[in-house]
């Protein structure tokens, strides 16, 4: 299991200061929508200058028509990132278009498909998707697997289910990881590091417990010990 720390702070300076505190750790760093819209490709460059070995996950959750998604995928890959994501609900044609475009590159980034956002509870998910989280996530994961993607973004609670319906090597990245007594904030389906390990999660994403701490390095070290 690997750790991914979310760089979701209000300014580029704060995100880079956090990265500097963690520069000696072999971890992923997640650049999300707000940070990328605000700071753009310069943020990616600045992170790599702090530690070229940092693996960068660009979390933009791409969703558009197939050709536009393929164009966006190519542009993101050219930023030198290591992984990005698309929405599985964009469909097989779009996901295959992305993978076909990236196949032309010598060293393409990993591509994951978002199944169900961890902010959803069962009731609100059904209103939008017309089925249970479990059933729809299973379908989305199969679609992504059959489209040639490397894995999915899902909650801890669907990780083992997804692997049993795809392959043990199909990556599951799980947000919503919390430590004891942490505030759940806007996440509904959260879990502990131990639970993530039990459910065969490959990469866990931790945000607020790290970046709101007075000692983020200590929190990261604590998480890595539990992994």
Protein backbone atom coordinates (compact mmCIF):
# COMPACT_ATOMS: atom_id res chain seq x y z
CA UNK A 1 0.00 0.00 0.00
CA UNK A 2 1.20 3.51 -0.85
CA UNK A 3 0.36 6.91 0.63
CA UNK A 4 -0.89 9.91 -1.33
CA UNK A 5 -1.06 13.28 0.42
CA UNK A 6 -3.54 15.83 -0.93
CA UNK A 7 -2.21 19.32 -1.62
CA UNK A 8 -5.52 21.09 -1.07
CA UNK A 9 -4.35 24.20 0.75
CA UNK A 10 -5.53 27.76 -0.08
CA UNK A 11 -2.29 28.94 -1.69
CA UNK A 12 0.55 27.59 -3.79
CA UNK A 13 3.00 28.72 -1.12
CA UNK A 14 1.26 26.62 1.56
CA UNK A 15 1.12 23.57 -0.71
CA UNK A 16 4.82 23.84 -1.53
CA UNK A 17 5.76 24.36 2.11
CA UNK A 18 3.89 21.14 2.92
CA UNK A 19 5.73 19.34 0.12
CA UNK A 20 9.06 20.60 1.52
CA UNK A 21 8.23 19.15 4.94
CA UNK A 22 7.58 15.77 3.31
CA UNK A 23 10.41 15.89 0.76
CA UNK A 24 12.25 12.85 2.14
CA UNK A 25 9.21 10.57 2.00
CA UNK A 26 8.48 8.15 -0.83
CA UNK A 27 4.88 9.23 -1.39
CA UNK A 28 2.38 10.47 -3.95
CA UNK A 29 1.21 14.09 -3.91
CA UNK A 30 -2.28 14.87 -5.18
CA UNK A 31 -2.90 18.12 -7.04
CA UNK A 32 -6.63 18.74 -7.14
CA UNK A 33 -8.97 20.93 -9.15
CA UNK A 34 -8.67 24.10 -7.08
CA UNK A 35 -4.88 23.98 -6.86
CA UNK A 36 -4.43 23.26 -10.58
CA UNK A 37 -6.88 25.93 -11.75
CA UNK A 38 -5.19 28.46 -9.50
CA UNK A 39 -1.52 27.49 -9.95
CA UNK A 40 -1.40 25.49 -13.19
CA UNK A 41 1.57 23.60 -14.55
CA UNK A 42 4.00 25.76 -12.56
CA UNK A 43 2.87 23.96 -9.41
CA UNK A 44 3.76 20.60 -10.99
CA UNK A 45 7.21 21.96 -11.92
CA UNK A 46 7.77 23.41 -8.45
CA UNK A 47 6.84 20.14 -6.74
CA UNK A 48 9.29 18.20 -8.92
CA UNK A 49 12.03 20.71 -8.05
CA UNK A 50 11.52 19.98 -4.35
CA UNK A 51 11.94 16.26 -4.95
CA UNK A 52 12.05 14.81 -8.49
CA UNK A 53 11.02 11.44 -7.03
CA UNK A 54 7.66 12.73 -5.82
CA UNK A 55 4.92 10.95 -7.76
CA UNK A 56 2.20 13.39 -8.81
CA UNK A 57 -1.46 12.48 -9.11
CA UNK A 58 -3.39 15.13 -11.05
CA UNK A 59 -6.92 14.80 -9.73
CA UNK A 60 -9.13 16.62 -12.26
CA UNK A 61 -11.76 13.90 -12.84
CA UNK A 62 -12.04 14.49 -16.59
CA UNK A 63 -15.51 14.05 -18.12
CA UNK A 64 -16.31 15.15 -21.68
CA UNK A 65 -16.85 13.78 -25.18
CA UNK A 66 -14.29 11.10 -26.19
CA UNK A 67 -12.06 13.20 -28.45
CA UNK A 68 -11.89 16.06 -25.94
CA UNK A 69 -10.99 13.62 -23.18
CA UNK A 70 -8.24 12.12 -25.32
CA UNK A 71 -6.86 15.59 -26.10
CA UNK A 72 -6.94 16.50 -22.40
CA UNK A 73 -5.24 13.22 -21.47
CA UNK A 74 -2.41 13.92 -23.89
CA UNK A 75 -1.96 17.44 -22.54
CA UNK A 76 -1.90 16.21 -18.94
CA UNK A 77 0.60 13.46 -19.76
CA UNK A 78 2.91 16.08 -21.28
CA UNK A 79 3.04 17.87 -17.91
CA UNK A 80 5.22 15.07 -16.55
CA UNK A 81 2.66 13.79 -14.05
CA UNK A 82 2.53 10.17 -12.95
CA UNK A 83 -1.22 9.57 -12.73
CA UNK A 84 -4.55 11.25 -13.50
CA UNK A 85 -8.21 10.32 -13.43
CA UNK A 86 -11.36 10.40 -15.53
CA UNK A 87 -15.00 9.70 -14.69
CA UNK A 88 -16.03 6.10 -15.40
CA UNK A 89 -19.51 7.40 -16.16
CA UNK A 90 -18.07 9.05 -19.29
CA UNK A 91 -18.37 5.56 -20.79
CA UNK A 92 -16.23 2.92 -22.43
CA UNK A 93 -15.81 4.77 -25.73
CA UNK A 94 -14.34 7.81 -23.98
CA UNK A 95 -12.09 5.76 -21.70
CA UNK A 96 -10.80 3.71 -24.61
CA UNK A 97 -10.10 6.91 -26.55
CA UNK A 98 -7.96 8.13 -23.67
CA UNK A 99 -5.97 4.90 -23.48
CA UNK A 100 -5.50 4.70 -27.26
CA UNK A 101 -4.10 8.23 -27.31
CA UNK A 102 -1.72 7.52 -24.42
CA UNK A 103 -0.53 4.28 -26.04
CA UNK A 104 1.36 6.44 -28.52
CA UNK A 105 3.54 7.81 -25.70
CA UNK A 106 6.76 6.20 -24.50
CA UNK A 107 6.00 6.44 -20.78
CA UNK A 108 2.34 7.36 -20.21
CA UNK A 109 0.95 8.11 -16.75
CA UNK A 110 -1.36 5.74 -14.94
CA UNK A 111 -5.06 6.39 -15.58
CA UNK A 112 -7.75 5.73 -12.99
CA UNK A 113 -11.53 5.99 -13.33
CA UNK A 114 -13.66 7.64 -10.65
CA UNK A 115 -16.51 5.33 -9.65
CA UNK A 116 -18.60 6.97 -6.89
CA UNK A 117 -17.41 10.07 -5.07
CA UNK A 118 -16.92 9.42 -1.36
CA UNK A 119 -19.10 12.45 -0.57
CA UNK A 120 -22.16 10.43 -1.69
CA UNK A 121 -24.36 8.54 0.71
CA UNK A 122 -26.65 5.76 -0.57
CA UNK A 123 -29.79 7.90 -0.86
CA UNK A 124 -28.25 10.76 -2.85
CA UNK A 125 -26.29 8.40 -5.08
CA UNK A 126 -29.45 6.55 -6.08
CA UNK A 127 -31.21 9.80 -6.93
CA UNK A 128 -28.55 10.58 -9.55
CA UNK A 129 -27.47 7.15 -10.80
CA UNK A 130 -30.65 5.10 -10.29
CA UNK A 131 -28.93 2.17 -8.58
CA UNK A 132 -27.09 1.28 -5.39
CA UNK A 133 -23.50 2.39 -4.87
CA UNK A 134 -22.35 -1.23 -4.73
CA UNK A 135 -23.94 -2.26 -8.04
CA UNK A 136 -22.99 0.86 -9.94
CA UNK A 137 -19.42 0.87 -8.67
CA UNK A 138 -19.06 -2.75 -9.76
CA UNK A 139 -20.30 -1.84 -13.26
CA UNK A 140 -18.08 1.25 -13.51
CA UNK A 141 -15.03 -0.73 -12.40
CA UNK A 142 -15.67 -3.45 -14.99
CA UNK A 143 -16.10 -0.79 -17.69
CA UNK A 144 -12.78 0.82 -16.73
CA UNK A 145 -11.00 -2.54 -16.58
CA UNK A 146 -12.35 -3.61 -19.98
CA UNK A 147 -11.35 -0.22 -21.41
CA UNK A 148 -7.70 -0.79 -20.46
CA UNK A 149 -7.40 1.65 -17.56
CA UNK A 150 -4.96 0.95 -14.74
CA UNK A 151 -7.45 1.16 -11.89
CA UNK A 152 -10.21 3.12 -10.19
CA UNK A 153 -10.86 5.68 -7.50
CA UNK A 154 -13.32 4.25 -5.00
CA UNK A 155 -14.12 4.14 -1.31
CA UNK A 156 -12.36 1.63 0.90
CA UNK A 157 -15.63 -0.27 1.19
CA UNK A 158 -15.68 -1.15 -2.52
CA UNK A 159 -11.96 -1.95 -2.98
CA UNK A 160 -12.04 -5.72 -2.39
CA UNK A 161 -15.33 -6.03 -4.31
CA UNK A 162 -13.77 -4.32 -7.33
CA UNK A 163 -10.71 -6.58 -7.30
CA UNK A 164 -12.89 -9.68 -7.11
CA UNK A 165 -14.75 -8.48 -10.21
CA UNK A 166 -11.68 -7.37 -12.17
CA UNK A 167 -8.15 -8.40 -11.18
CA UNK A 168 -5.96 -8.26 -8.07
CA UNK A 169 -3.50 -6.07 -9.98
CA UNK A 170 -6.20 -3.53 -10.89
CA UNK A 171 -5.31 -0.48 -8.78
CA UNK A 172 -7.74 0.84 -6.19
CA UNK A 173 -7.05 4.34 -4.91
CA UNK A 174 -9.14 5.18 -1.87
CA UNK A 175 -9.79 8.72 -0.58
CA UNK A 176 -11.57 9.48 2.68
CA UNK A 177 -8.92 7.97 4.96
CA UNK A 178 -9.08 9.25 8.51
CA UNK A 179 -7.23 8.70 11.76
CA UNK A 180 -8.95 8.17 15.11
CA UNK A 181 -11.15 11.06 16.27
CA UNK A 182 -10.78 12.93 12.97
CA UNK A 183 -13.57 15.18 11.70
CA UNK A 184 -15.37 13.58 8.72
CA UNK A 185 -15.94 16.98 7.04
CA UNK A 186 -17.82 16.47 3.73
CA UNK A 187 -16.87 12.81 3.32
CA UNK A 188 -19.56 10.18 3.96
CA UNK A 189 -17.80 6.88 3.30
CA UNK A 190 -14.57 7.15 5.28
CA UNK A 191 -12.34 4.48 6.80
CA UNK A 192 -9.17 3.87 8.77
CA UNK A 193 -5.74 2.93 7.41
CA UNK A 194 -6.21 -0.55 8.85
CA UNK A 195 -9.53 -0.98 7.07
CA UNK A 196 -7.96 0.15 3.80
CA UNK A 197 -5.28 -2.50 4.21
CA UNK A 198 -7.86 -5.20 4.95
CA UNK A 199 -9.81 -4.21 1.82
CA UNK A 200 -6.70 -4.42 -0.39
CA UNK A 201 -6.46 -0.73 -1.22
CA UNK A 202 -3.30 0.03 -3.22
CA UNK A 203 -3.07 3.78 -2.64
CA UNK A 204 -4.70 5.70 0.22
CA UNK A 205 -5.33 9.44 -0.01
CA UNK A 206 -5.03 11.51 3.14
CA UNK A 207 -5.69 15.24 3.14
CA UNK A 208 -6.99 17.16 6.13
CA UNK A 209 -5.44 14.96 8.84
CA UNK A 210 -2.03 15.83 7.35
CA UNK A 211 -2.31 19.43 6.19
CA UNK A 212 -4.28 20.71 9.19
CA UNK A 213 -1.75 19.24 11.62
CA UNK A 214 0.87 21.38 13.33
CA UNK A 215 3.32 18.58 12.50
CA UNK A 216 2.36 17.04 9.13
CA UNK A 217 5.56 14.98 8.92
CA UNK A 218 4.73 13.28 12.21
CA UNK A 219 1.23 12.43 10.95
CA UNK A 220 2.62 11.01 7.70
CA UNK A 221 5.12 8.88 9.59
CA UNK A 222 2.33 7.61 11.86
CA UNK A 223 0.20 6.67 8.82
CA UNK A 224 3.11 4.94 7.09
CA UNK A 225 3.79 2.83 10.18
CA UNK A 226 0.16 1.66 10.16
CA UNK A 227 0.40 0.78 6.49
